[in-house]
Amino acid sequence: MSKNESEERLQILEMVEVGQISASEAMTLLDALEILRTKGGF
């Protein structure tokens, strides 16, 4: 996992914590990050 990916994951979790996005939205974003990682986007 790259530094950028780690930072993105933390930012998503922080957004859930402060109520900006729902847990479901966070899971969608985390899944998208995983897809990007496996396809070489990160």
Protein backbone atom coordinates (compact mmCIF):
# COMPACT_ATOMS: atom_id res chain seq x y z
CA MET A 1 0.00 0.00 0.00
CA SER A 2 1.45 3.34 -1.02
CA LYS A 3 1.61 6.44 1.14
CA ASN A 4 -1.00 8.11 -1.07
CA GLU A 5 -3.36 5.17 -0.69
CA SER A 6 -2.90 5.14 3.08
CA GLU A 7 -3.62 8.86 3.23
CA GLU A 8 -6.72 8.42 1.07
CA ARG A 9 -8.03 5.66 3.32
CA LEU A 10 -7.47 7.77 6.42
CA GLN A 11 -9.21 10.73 4.82
CA ILE A 12 -12.23 8.57 3.97
CA LEU A 13 -12.41 7.26 7.55
CA GLU A 14 -12.15 10.78 8.92
CA MET A 15 -15.03 11.85 6.66
CA VAL A 16 -17.18 9.09 8.17
CA GLU A 17 -16.13 10.11 11.67
CA VAL A 18 -17.28 13.71 11.20
CA GLY A 19 -20.48 12.72 9.40
CA GLN A 20 -19.56 13.96 5.91
CA ILE A 21 -20.26 10.58 4.34
CA SER A 22 -21.99 7.39 5.43
CA ALA A 23 -20.30 4.09 6.13
CA SER A 24 -21.82 2.75 2.93
CA GLU A 25 -20.35 5.60 0.91
CA ALA A 26 -16.99 5.00 2.58
CA MET A 27 -17.06 1.34 1.59
CA THR A 28 -17.79 2.32 -2.01
CA LEU A 29 -14.80 4.68 -2.01
CA LEU A 30 -12.54 2.11 -0.34
CA ASP A 31 -13.59 -0.49 -2.90
CA ALA A 32 -12.76 1.96 -5.69
CA LEU A 33 -9.33 2.57 -4.18
CA GLU A 34 -8.72 -1.16 -4.12
CA ILE A 35 -9.68 -1.45 -7.79
CA LEU A 36 -7.32 1.38 -8.68
CA ARG A 37 -4.54 -0.27 -6.67
CA THR A 38 -4.97 -3.63 -8.39
CA LYS A 39 -5.08 -1.98 -11.82
CA GLY A 40 -1.95 0.05 -11.15
CA GLY A 41 -3.62 3.40 -10.47
CA PHE A 42 -1.60 3.95 -7.30
